């Protein structure tokens, strides 16, 4: 399984929803304009918009590295307004894991499926 899926979970700090939404809009614009290997980039809020989950799908490890280069400048400001965690599904390279090490991502190796 070369494709890698990512779930990013963000708990938005009190009073920071508008700032969060502005950063999310910038991220979506950047990904839409620059990413070529991103297969999914969908943002979801819980009912009271205190938490957001981003479901991401990438063609391969290089697509994740490209994505990180395109949205990397937004991660600092994003962590100023939300606490973030990540889960990887598949086989991200050591370089990818080093790139996101600060988030201490959980990694789930592929077992089986259709």
Protein backbone atom coordinates (compact mmCIF):
# COMPACT_ATOMS: atom_id res chain seq x y z
CA UNK A 1 0.00 0.00 0.00
CA UNK A 2 1.82 3.09 -1.23
CA UNK A 3 -1.00 5.54 -0.51
CA UNK A 4 -0.85 7.11 2.94
CA UNK A 5 -3.80 8.46 4.87
CA UNK A 6 -3.54 11.03 7.65
CA UNK A 7 -5.97 12.23 10.27
CA UNK A 8 -5.09 15.54 11.91
CA UNK A 9 -7.11 16.42 15.00
CA UNK A 10 -7.24 19.94 16.37
CA UNK A 11 -8.78 21.24 19.59
CA UNK A 12 -9.37 24.92 19.04
CA UNK A 13 -8.42 27.29 21.85
CA UNK A 14 -11.21 29.37 23.38
CA UNK A 15 -11.85 32.55 21.43
CA UNK A 16 -9.65 31.46 18.50
CA UNK A 17 -12.24 30.00 16.12
CA UNK A 18 -12.12 32.90 13.64
CA UNK A 19 -8.31 32.84 13.54
CA UNK A 20 -8.44 29.06 13.08
CA UNK A 21 -10.89 29.34 10.19
CA UNK A 22 -8.71 31.98 8.49
CA UNK A 23 -5.66 29.71 8.70
CA UNK A 24 -7.70 26.73 7.47
CA UNK A 25 -8.80 28.75 4.44
CA UNK A 26 -5.18 29.63 3.65
CA UNK A 27 -4.17 25.97 3.97
CA UNK A 28 -6.95 24.84 1.63
CA UNK A 29 -6.02 27.47 -0.92
CA UNK A 30 -2.34 26.51 -0.81
CA UNK A 31 -3.08 22.81 -1.17
CA UNK A 32 -5.49 23.44 -4.04
CA UNK A 33 -2.96 25.56 -5.90
CA UNK A 34 0.29 23.71 -5.19
CA UNK A 35 -0.22 20.07 -4.16
CA UNK A 36 -0.24 17.48 -6.92
CA UNK A 37 -0.17 14.25 -4.89
CA UNK A 38 -2.87 15.11 -2.36
CA UNK A 39 -5.89 12.89 -3.01
CA UNK A 40 -8.08 14.06 -0.10
CA UNK A 41 -8.03 17.18 2.06
CA UNK A 42 -11.35 17.48 3.89
CA UNK A 43 -12.01 19.51 7.04
CA UNK A 44 -14.76 18.60 9.54
CA UNK A 45 -16.03 20.39 12.68
CA UNK A 46 -17.80 18.88 15.66
CA UNK A 47 -21.19 20.35 16.61
CA UNK A 48 -19.90 23.31 18.65
CA UNK A 49 -16.87 23.95 16.40
CA UNK A 50 -14.43 23.42 19.26
CA UNK A 51 -12.70 20.57 17.43
CA UNK A 52 -11.73 20.01 13.81
CA UNK A 53 -10.61 16.85 12.05
CA UNK A 54 -8.78 16.95 8.74
CA UNK A 55 -8.88 13.77 6.64
CA UNK A 56 -5.98 13.65 4.22
CA UNK A 57 -4.94 11.17 1.57
CA UNK A 58 -1.63 11.20 -0.28
CA UNK A 59 -0.39 9.28 -3.30
CA UNK A 60 2.91 8.48 -1.58
CA UNK A 61 5.55 9.73 0.84
CA UNK A 62 6.82 12.39 -1.56
CA UNK A 63 3.32 13.86 -1.76
CA UNK A 64 3.35 14.31 2.03
CA UNK A 65 6.74 16.02 1.91
CA UNK A 66 5.50 18.34 -0.85
CA UNK A 67 2.36 19.08 1.17
CA UNK A 68 4.43 19.86 4.26
CA UNK A 69 6.53 22.29 2.23
CA UNK A 70 3.41 24.03 0.94
CA UNK A 71 1.57 24.42 4.27
CA UNK A 72 4.51 24.28 6.68
CA UNK A 73 4.54 28.04 7.31
CA UNK A 74 0.96 27.76 8.59
CA UNK A 75 1.68 25.07 11.20
CA UNK A 76 3.24 27.47 13.71
CA UNK A 77 0.31 29.88 13.63
CA UNK A 78 -2.10 26.91 13.66
CA UNK A 79 -0.56 25.53 16.85
CA UNK A 80 -0.96 28.99 18.40
CA UNK A 81 -4.75 28.66 18.07
CA UNK A 82 -5.27 24.88 18.40
CA UNK A 83 -3.70 21.79 19.94
CA UNK A 84 -2.89 19.30 17.18
CA UNK A 85 -2.31 15.57 16.95
CA UNK A 86 -1.78 13.32 13.92
CA UNK A 87 -2.38 9.73 12.93
CA UNK A 88 -0.74 8.11 9.90
CA UNK A 89 -2.19 5.07 8.15
CA UNK A 90 0.28 3.30 5.87
CA UNK A 91 4.04 3.42 5.66
CA UNK A 92 5.38 6.99 5.95
CA UNK A 93 9.12 7.34 5.38
CA UNK A 94 11.52 8.21 8.19
CA UNK A 95 11.86 11.66 6.56
CA UNK A 96 8.11 12.23 6.85
CA UNK A 97 8.10 11.11 10.48
CA UNK A 98 11.05 13.40 11.22
CA UNK A 99 9.18 16.30 9.59
CA UNK A 100 6.17 15.84 11.90
CA UNK A 101 8.02 14.54 14.98
CA UNK A 102 6.92 17.52 17.10
CA UNK A 103 3.33 16.25 16.84
CA UNK A 104 4.29 12.75 18.05
CA UNK A 105 2.12 11.06 15.41
CA UNK A 106 0.62 7.64 15.90
CA UNK A 107 1.43 5.33 12.97
CA UNK A 108 -0.77 2.42 11.95
CA UNK A 109 0.66 -0.10 9.48
CA UNK A 110 -1.57 -1.56 6.82
CA UNK A 111 -2.87 -5.04 7.60
CA UNK A 112 -5.56 -5.92 5.08
CA UNK A 113 -8.50 -4.56 3.15
CA UNK A 114 -10.20 -4.33 -0.21
